Amino acid sequence: GPWLVGGGDTEATPCRVRSGRRHGTGLIAS
């Protein structure tokens, strides 16, 4: 981190992961 979230027509924005964990076969994050 921080993650840079964006792409396409969305400008990359720095984001900090507040919380995250495995969920089933994938991941979820706040």
Full PDB file with SEQRES, HELIX, SHEET, SSBOND, CRYST1, ORIGX, SCALE, CONECT and MASTER records, all heavy atoms in Angstrom:
SEQRES   1 A   30  GLY PRO TRP LEU VAL GLY GLY GLY ASP THR GLU ALA THR          
SEQRES   2 A   30  PRO CYS ARG VAL ARG SER GLY ARG ARG HIS GLY THR GLY          
SEQRES   3 A   30  LEU ILE ALA SER                                              
SHEET    1 AA1 2 TRP A   3  GLY A   7  0                                        
SHEET    2 AA1 2 THR A  10  CYS A  15 -1                                        
SHEET    1 AA2 2 GLY A  20  HIS A  23  0                                        
SHEET    2 AA2 2 GLY A  26  ALA A  29 -1                                        
CRYST1    1.000    1.000    1.000  90.00  90.00  90.00 P 1           1          
ORIGX1      1.000000  0.000000  0.000000        0.00000                         
ORIGX2      0.000000  1.000000  0.000000        0.00000                         
ORIGX3      0.000000  0.000000  1.000000        0.00000                         
SCALE1      1.000000  0.000000  0.000000        0.00000                         
SCALE2      0.000000  1.000000  0.000000        0.00000                         
SCALE3      0.000000  0.000000  1.000000        0.00000                         
ATOM      1  N   GLY A   1       0.819  -1.202   0.000  1.00  0.00           N  
ATOM      2  CA  GLY A   1       0.000   0.000   0.000  1.00  0.00           C  
ATOM      3  C   GLY A   1       0.851   1.250   0.000  1.00  0.00           C  
ATOM      4  O   GLY A   1       2.052   1.175   0.191  1.00  0.00           O  
ATOM      5  N   PRO A   2       0.247   2.369  -0.260  1.00  0.00           N  
ATOM      6  CA  PRO A   2      -1.178   2.488  -0.581  1.00  0.00           C  
ATOM      7  C   PRO A   2      -1.479   1.944  -1.970  1.00  0.00           C  
ATOM      8  O   PRO A   2      -0.614   1.895  -2.832  1.00  0.00           O  
ATOM      9  CB  PRO A   2      -1.430   3.995  -0.519  1.00  0.00           C  
ATOM     10  CG  PRO A   2      -0.120   4.613  -0.858  1.00  0.00           C  
ATOM     11  CD  PRO A   2       0.924   3.668  -0.308  1.00  0.00           C  
ATOM     12  N   TRP A   3      -2.731   1.515  -2.146  1.00  0.00           N  
ATOM     13  CA  TRP A   3      -3.168   1.068  -3.459  1.00  0.00           C  
ATOM     14  C   TRP A   3      -3.454   2.290  -4.322  1.00  0.00           C  
ATOM     15  O   TRP A   3      -3.942   3.311  -3.837  1.00  0.00           O  
ATOM     16  CB  TRP A   3      -4.457   0.265  -3.356  1.00  0.00           C  
ATOM     17  CG  TRP A   3      -4.323  -1.091  -2.730  1.00  0.00           C  
ATOM     18  CD1 TRP A   3      -3.173  -1.699  -2.308  1.00  0.00           C  
ATOM     19  CD2 TRP A   3      -5.380  -1.997  -2.460  1.00  0.00           C  
ATOM     20  NE1 TRP A   3      -3.456  -2.936  -1.804  1.00  0.00           N  
ATOM     21  CE2 TRP A   3      -4.811  -3.149  -1.877  1.00  0.00           C  
ATOM     22  CE3 TRP A   3      -6.753  -1.951  -2.647  1.00  0.00           C  
ATOM     23  CZ2 TRP A   3      -5.572  -4.238  -1.490  1.00  0.00           C  
ATOM     24  CZ3 TRP A   3      -7.509  -3.033  -2.260  1.00  0.00           C  
ATOM     25  CH2 TRP A   3      -6.921  -4.169  -1.693  1.00  0.00           C  
ATOM     26  N   LEU A   4      -3.157   2.184  -5.591  1.00  0.00           N  
ATOM     27  CA  LEU A   4      -3.550   3.187  -6.571  1.00  0.00           C  
ATOM     28  C   LEU A   4      -4.693   2.561  -7.357  1.00  0.00           C  
ATOM     29  O   LEU A   4      -4.481   1.626  -8.130  1.00  0.00           O  
ATOM     30  CB  LEU A   4      -2.377   3.545  -7.484  1.00  0.00           C  
ATOM     31  CG  LEU A   4      -1.146   4.087  -6.747  1.00  0.00           C  
ATOM     32  CD1 LEU A   4       0.022   4.227  -7.697  1.00  0.00           C  
ATOM     33  CD2 LEU A   4      -1.467   5.410  -6.085  1.00  0.00           C  
ATOM     34  N   VAL A   5      -5.900   3.033  -7.110  1.00  0.00           N  
ATOM     35  CA  VAL A   5      -7.107   2.428  -7.674  1.00  0.00           C  
ATOM     36  C   VAL A   5      -7.619   3.313  -8.801  1.00  0.00           C  
ATOM     37  O   VAL A   5      -7.881   4.496  -8.602  1.00  0.00           O  
ATOM     38  CB  VAL A   5      -8.198   2.241  -6.596  1.00  0.00           C  
ATOM     39  CG1 VAL A   5      -9.441   1.626  -7.183  1.00  0.00           C  
ATOM     40  CG2 VAL A   5      -7.662   1.398  -5.438  1.00  0.00           C  
ATOM     41  N   GLY A   6      -7.751   2.737  -9.989  1.00  0.00           N  
ATOM     42  CA  GLY A   6      -8.243   3.486 -11.138  1.00  0.00           C  
ATOM     43  C   GLY A   6      -8.071   2.689 -12.398  1.00  0.00           C  
ATOM     44  O   GLY A   6      -7.773   1.499 -12.373  1.00  0.00           O  
ATOM     45  N   GLY A   7      -8.215   3.347 -13.512  1.00  0.00           N  
ATOM     46  CA  GLY A   7      -8.074   2.699 -14.810  1.00  0.00           C  
ATOM     47  C   GLY A   7      -9.204   3.099 -15.723  1.00  0.00           C  
ATOM     48  O   GLY A   7     -10.237   3.592 -15.275  1.00  0.00           O  
ATOM     49  N   GLY A   8      -8.991   2.891 -16.980  1.00  0.00           N  
ATOM     50  CA  GLY A   8     -10.002   3.309 -17.944  1.00  0.00           C  
ATOM     51  C   GLY A   8     -10.158   4.816 -17.902  1.00  0.00           C  
ATOM     52  O   GLY A   8      -9.194   5.545 -18.047  1.00  0.00           O  
ATOM     53  N   ASP A   9     -11.366   5.287 -17.643  1.00  0.00           N  
ATOM     54  CA  ASP A   9     -11.590   6.732 -17.556  1.00  0.00           C  
ATOM     55  C   ASP A   9     -11.590   7.227 -16.112  1.00  0.00           C  
ATOM     56  O   ASP A   9     -11.951   8.358 -15.837  1.00  0.00           O  
ATOM     57  CB  ASP A   9     -12.897   7.112 -18.255  1.00  0.00           C  
ATOM     58  CG  ASP A   9     -14.103   6.370 -17.705  1.00  0.00           C  
ATOM     59  OD1 ASP A   9     -13.928   5.506 -16.837  1.00  0.00           O  
ATOM     60  OD2 ASP A   9     -15.222   6.666 -18.166  1.00  0.00           O  
ATOM     61  N   THR A  10     -11.151   6.359 -15.177  1.00  0.00           N  
ATOM     62  CA  THR A  10     -11.069   6.734 -13.767  1.00  0.00           C  
ATOM     63  C   THR A  10      -9.612   6.993 -13.401  1.00  0.00           C  
ATOM     64  O   THR A  10      -8.775   6.113 -13.567  1.00  0.00           O  
ATOM     65  CB  THR A  10     -11.621   5.605 -12.865  1.00  0.00           C  
ATOM     66  OG1 THR A  10     -12.937   5.288 -13.292  1.00  0.00           O  
ATOM     67  CG2 THR A  10     -11.638   6.024 -11.409  1.00  0.00           C  
ATOM     68  N   GLU A  11      -9.309   8.194 -12.937  1.00  0.00           N  
ATOM     69  CA  GLU A  11      -7.942   8.531 -12.542  1.00  0.00           C  
ATOM     70  C   GLU A  11      -7.540   7.722 -11.312  1.00  0.00           C  
ATOM     71  O   GLU A  11      -8.339   7.533 -10.401  1.00  0.00           O  
ATOM     72  CB  GLU A  11      -7.858  10.022 -12.222  1.00  0.00           C  
ATOM     73  CG  GLU A  11      -6.459  10.475 -11.908  1.00  0.00           C  
ATOM     74  CD  GLU A  11      -6.372  11.977 -11.702  1.00  0.00           C  
ATOM     75  OE1 GLU A  11      -7.218  12.701 -12.246  1.00  0.00           O  
ATOM     76  OE2 GLU A  11      -5.456  12.403 -10.998  1.00  0.00           O  
ATOM     77  N   ALA A  12      -6.304   7.217 -11.305  1.00  0.00           N  
ATOM     78  CA  ALA A  12      -5.814   6.428 -10.173  1.00  0.00           C  
ATOM     79  C   ALA A  12      -5.760   7.294  -8.919  1.00  0.00           C  
ATOM     80  O   ALA A  12      -5.188   8.374  -8.922  1.00  0.00           O  
ATOM     81  CB  ALA A  12      -4.445   5.849 -10.476  1.00  0.00           C  
ATOM     82  N   THR A  13      -6.379   6.807  -7.856  1.00  0.00           N  
ATOM     83  CA  THR A  13      -6.445   7.509  -6.585  1.00  0.00           C  
ATOM     84  C   THR A  13      -5.770   6.671  -5.517  1.00  0.00           C  
ATOM     85  O   THR A  13      -6.049   5.475  -5.406  1.00  0.00           O  
ATOM     86  CB  THR A  13      -7.923   7.728  -6.184  1.00  0.00           C  
ATOM     87  OG1 THR A  13      -8.580   8.435  -7.226  1.00  0.00           O  
ATOM     88  CG2 THR A  13      -8.038   8.493  -4.889  1.00  0.00           C  
ATOM     89  N   PRO A  14      -4.861   7.264  -4.718  1.00  0.00           N  
ATOM     90  CA  PRO A  14      -4.262   6.495  -3.622  1.00  0.00           C  
ATOM     91  C   PRO A  14      -5.310   6.145  -2.572  1.00  0.00           C  
ATOM     92  O   PRO A  14      -6.096   6.997  -2.158  1.00  0.00           O  
ATOM     93  CB  PRO A  14      -3.224   7.451  -3.029  1.00  0.00           C  
ATOM     94  CG  PRO A  14      -3.068   8.562  -4.005  1.00  0.00           C  
ATOM     95  CD  PRO A  14      -4.324   8.607  -4.814  1.00  0.00           C  
ATOM     96  N   CYS A  15      -5.361   4.877  -2.173  1.00  0.00           N  
ATOM     97  CA  CYS A  15      -6.307   4.397  -1.170  1.00  0.00           C  
ATOM     98  C   CYS A  15      -5.572   3.535  -0.150  1.00  0.00           C  
ATOM     99  O   CYS A  15      -4.795   2.660  -0.537  1.00  0.00           O  
ATOM    100  CB  CYS A  15      -7.405   3.553  -1.810  1.00  0.00           C  
ATOM    101  SG  CYS A  15      -8.451   4.423  -2.982  1.00  0.00           S  
ATOM    102  N   ARG A  16      -5.848   3.757   1.108  1.00  0.00           N  
ATOM    103  CA  ARG A  16      -5.282   2.917   2.158  1.00  0.00           C  
ATOM    104  C   ARG A  16      -6.303   1.852   2.535  1.00  0.00           C  
ATOM    105  O   ARG A  16      -7.491   2.134   2.667  1.00  0.00           O  
ATOM    106  CB  ARG A  16      -4.934   3.745   3.375  1.00  0.00           C  
ATOM    107  CG  ARG A  16      -3.839   4.735   3.094  1.00  0.00           C  
ATOM    108  CD  ARG A  16      -3.005   5.010   4.339  1.00  0.00           C  
ATOM    109  NE  ARG A  16      -1.944   5.929   4.038  1.00  0.00           N  
ATOM    110  CZ  ARG A  16      -0.762   5.586   3.536  1.00  0.00           C  
ATOM    111  NH1 ARG A  16      -0.501   4.334   3.288  1.00  0.00           N  
ATOM    112  NH2 ARG A  16       0.160   6.489   3.288  1.00  0.00           N  
ATOM    113  N   VAL A  17      -5.809   0.635   2.717  1.00  0.00           N  
ATOM    114  CA  VAL A  17      -6.667  -0.469   3.123  1.00  0.00           C  
ATOM    115  C   VAL A  17      -6.909  -0.356   4.626  1.00  0.00           C  
ATOM    116  O   VAL A  17      -5.973  -0.375   5.412  1.00  0.00           O  
ATOM    117  CB  VAL A  17      -6.031  -1.834   2.782  1.00  0.00           C  
ATOM    118  CG1 VAL A  17      -6.903  -2.974   3.280  1.00  0.00           C  
ATOM    119  CG2 VAL A  17      -5.795  -1.945   1.284  1.00  0.00           C  
ATOM    120  N   ARG A  18      -8.164  -0.188   4.999  1.00  0.00           N  
ATOM    121  CA  ARG A  18      -8.542  -0.102   6.410  1.00  0.00           C  
ATOM    122  C   ARG A  18      -8.560  -1.496   7.036  1.00  0.00           C  
ATOM    123  O   ARG A  18      -8.111  -1.708   8.155  1.00  0.00           O  
ATOM    124  CB  ARG A  18      -9.918   0.566   6.510  1.00  0.00           C  
ATOM    125  CG  ARG A  18     -10.373   0.861   7.884  1.00  0.00           C  
ATOM    126  CD  ARG A  18     -11.693   1.615   7.935  1.00  0.00           C  
ATOM    127  NE  ARG A  18     -12.360   1.727   6.651  1.00  0.00           N  
ATOM    128  CZ  ARG A  18     -13.179   2.713   6.319  1.00  0.00           C  
ATOM    129  NH1 ARG A  18     -13.432   3.672   7.164  1.00  0.00           N  
ATOM    130  NH2 ARG A  18     -13.758   2.739   5.145  1.00  0.00           N  
ATOM    131  N   SER A  19      -9.089  -2.457   6.262  1.00  0.00           N  
ATOM    132  CA  SER A  19      -9.193  -3.831   6.733  1.00  0.00           C  
ATOM    133  C   SER A  19      -9.382  -4.724   5.518  1.00  0.00           C  
ATOM    134  O   SER A  19      -9.909  -4.288   4.499  1.00  0.00           O  
ATOM    135  CB  SER A  19     -10.391  -3.968   7.678  1.00  0.00           C  
ATOM    136  OG  SER A  19     -10.488  -5.266   8.195  1.00  0.00           O  
ATOM    137  N   GLY A  20      -8.954  -5.962   5.622  1.00  0.00           N  
ATOM    138  CA  GLY A  20      -9.138  -6.899   4.527  1.00  0.00           C  
ATOM    139  C   GLY A  20      -8.944  -8.323   5.009  1.00  0.00           C  
ATOM    140  O   GLY A  20      -8.275  -8.556   6.021  1.00  0.00           O  
ATOM    141  N   ARG A  21      -9.538  -9.258   4.284  1.00  0.00           N  
ATOM    142  CA  ARG A  21      -9.414 -10.663   4.683  1.00  0.00           C  
ATOM    143  C   ARG A  21      -9.881 -11.567   3.549  1.00  0.00           C  
ATOM    144  O   ARG A  21     -10.540 -11.128   2.616  1.00  0.00           O  
ATOM    145  CB  ARG A  21     -10.217 -10.937   5.935  1.00  0.00           C  
ATOM    146  CG  ARG A  21     -11.721 -10.791   5.770  1.00  0.00           C  
ATOM    147  CD  ARG A  21     -12.466 -11.103   7.059  1.00  0.00           C  
ATOM    148  NE  ARG A  21     -13.887 -11.035   6.889  1.00  0.00           N  
ATOM    149  CZ  ARG A  21     -14.630  -9.956   7.039  1.00  0.00           C  
ATOM    150  NH1 ARG A  21     -14.067  -8.807   7.366  1.00  0.00           N  
ATOM    151  NH2 ARG A  21     -15.933 -10.004   6.880  1.00  0.00           N  
ATOM    152  N   ARG A  22      -9.526 -12.851   3.696  1.00  0.00           N  
ATOM    153  CA  ARG A  22     -10.040 -13.859   2.773  1.00  0.00           C  
ATOM    154  C   ARG A  22     -11.539 -14.019   3.026  1.00  0.00           C  
ATOM    155  O   ARG A  22     -11.999 -13.916   4.153  1.00  0.00           O  
ATOM    156  CB  ARG A  22      -9.358 -15.197   2.996  1.00  0.00           C  
ATOM    157  CG  ARG A  22      -7.949 -15.239   2.494  1.00  0.00           C  
ATOM    158  CD  ARG A  22      -7.402 -16.659   2.640  1.00  0.00           C  
ATOM    159  NE  ARG A  22      -6.075 -16.744   2.118  1.00  0.00           N  
ATOM    160  CZ  ARG A  22      -5.788 -17.178   0.887  1.00  0.00           C  
ATOM    161  NH1 ARG A  22      -6.752 -17.555   0.088  1.00  0.00           N  
ATOM    162  NH2 ARG A  22      -4.544 -17.216   0.471  1.00  0.00           N  
ATOM    163  N   HIS A  23     -12.267 -14.272   1.965  1.00  0.00           N  
ATOM    164  CA  HIS A  23     -13.701 -14.513   2.082  1.00  0.00           C  
ATOM    165  C   HIS A  23     -14.067 -15.529   1.009  1.00  0.00           C  
ATOM    166  O   HIS A  23     -14.044 -15.211  -0.185  1.00  0.00           O  
ATOM    167  CB  HIS A  23     -14.487 -13.224   1.900  1.00  0.00           C  
ATOM    168  CG  HIS A  23     -15.954 -13.398   2.082  1.00  0.00           C  
ATOM    169  ND1 HIS A  23     -16.525 -13.568   3.313  1.00  0.00           N  
ATOM    170  CD2 HIS A  23     -16.972 -13.451   1.181  1.00  0.00           C  
ATOM    171  CE1 HIS A  23     -17.831 -13.703   3.168  1.00  0.00           C  
ATOM    172  NE2 HIS A  23     -18.124 -13.642   1.881  1.00  0.00           N  
ATOM    173  N   GLY A  24     -14.362 -16.745   1.410  1.00  0.00           N  
ATOM    174  CA  GLY A  24     -14.609 -17.812   0.447  1.00  0.00           C  
ATOM    175  C   GLY A  24     -13.340 -18.083  -0.340  1.00  0.00           C  
ATOM    176  O   GLY A  24     -12.275 -18.265   0.227  1.00  0.00           O  
ATOM    177  N   THR A  25     -13.433 -18.031  -1.656  1.00  0.00           N  
ATOM    178  CA  THR A  25     -12.265 -18.258  -2.502  1.00  0.00           C  
ATOM    179  C   THR A  25     -11.577 -16.960  -2.897  1.00  0.00           C  
ATOM    180  O   THR A  25     -10.594 -16.987  -3.635  1.00  0.00           O  
ATOM    181  CB  THR A  25     -12.665 -19.016  -3.789  1.00  0.00           C  
ATOM    182  OG1 THR A  25     -13.626 -18.234  -4.493  1.00  0.00           O  
ATOM    183  CG2 THR A  25     -13.235 -20.381  -3.460  1.00  0.00           C  
ATOM    184  N   GLY A  26     -12.093 -15.825  -2.435  1.00  0.00           N  
ATOM    185  CA  GLY A  26     -11.522 -14.533  -2.808  1.00  0.00           C  
ATOM    186  C   GLY A  26     -11.141 -13.705  -1.609  1.00  0.00           C  
ATOM    187  O   GLY A  26     -10.924 -14.218  -0.514  1.00  0.00           O  
ATOM    188  N   LEU A  27     -11.076 -12.401  -1.824  1.00  0.00           N  
ATOM    189  CA  LEU A  27     -10.723 -11.443  -0.786  1.00  0.00           C  
ATOM    190  C   LEU A  27     -11.750 -10.326  -0.768  1.00  0.00           C  
ATOM    191  O   LEU A  27     -12.334  -9.988  -1.803  1.00  0.00           O  
ATOM    192  CB  LEU A  27      -9.356 -10.815  -1.076  1.00  0.00           C  
ATOM    193  CG  LEU A  27      -8.151 -11.715  -1.124  1.00  0.00           C  
ATOM    194  CD1 LEU A  27      -6.963 -10.948  -1.685  1.00  0.00           C  
ATOM    195  CD2 LEU A  27      -7.822 -12.227   0.263  1.00  0.00           C  
ATOM    196  N   ILE A  28     -11.935  -9.742   0.414  1.00  0.00           N  
ATOM    197  CA  ILE A  28     -12.727  -8.523   0.536  1.00  0.00           C  
ATOM    198  C   ILE A  28     -11.879  -7.502   1.284  1.00  0.00           C  
ATOM    199  O   ILE A  28     -10.987  -7.868   2.055  1.00  0.00           O  
ATOM    200  CB  ILE A  28     -14.078  -8.759   1.254  1.00  0.00           C  
ATOM    201  CG1 ILE A  28     -13.888  -9.363   2.639  1.00  0.00           C  
ATOM    202  CG2 ILE A  28     -14.997  -9.605   0.386  1.00  0.00           C  
ATOM    203  CD1 ILE A  28     -15.169  -9.465   3.455  1.00  0.00           C  
ATOM    204  N   ALA A  29     -12.139  -6.223   1.026  1.00  0.00           N  
ATOM    205  CA  ALA A  29     -11.362  -5.170   1.666  1.00  0.00           C  
ATOM    206  C   ALA A  29     -12.228  -3.941   1.895  1.00  0.00           C  
ATOM    207  O   ALA A  29     -13.173  -3.675   1.150  1.00  0.00           O  
ATOM    208  CB  ALA A  29     -10.149  -4.796   0.811  1.00  0.00           C  
ATOM    209  N   SER A  30     -11.869  -3.206   2.934  1.00  0.00           N  
ATOM    210  CA  SER A  30     -12.481  -1.923   3.240  1.00  0.00           C  
ATOM    211  C   SER A  30     -11.411  -0.858   3.045  1.00  0.00           C  
ATOM    212  O   SER A  30     -10.319  -0.966   3.607  1.00  0.00           O  
ATOM    213  CB  SER A  30     -12.992  -1.914   4.685  1.00  0.00           C  
ATOM    214  OG  SER A  30     -13.415  -0.625   5.064  1.00  0.00           O  
TER     215      SER A  30                                                      
MASTER        0    0    0    0    4    0    0    6  214    1    0    3          
END                                                                             
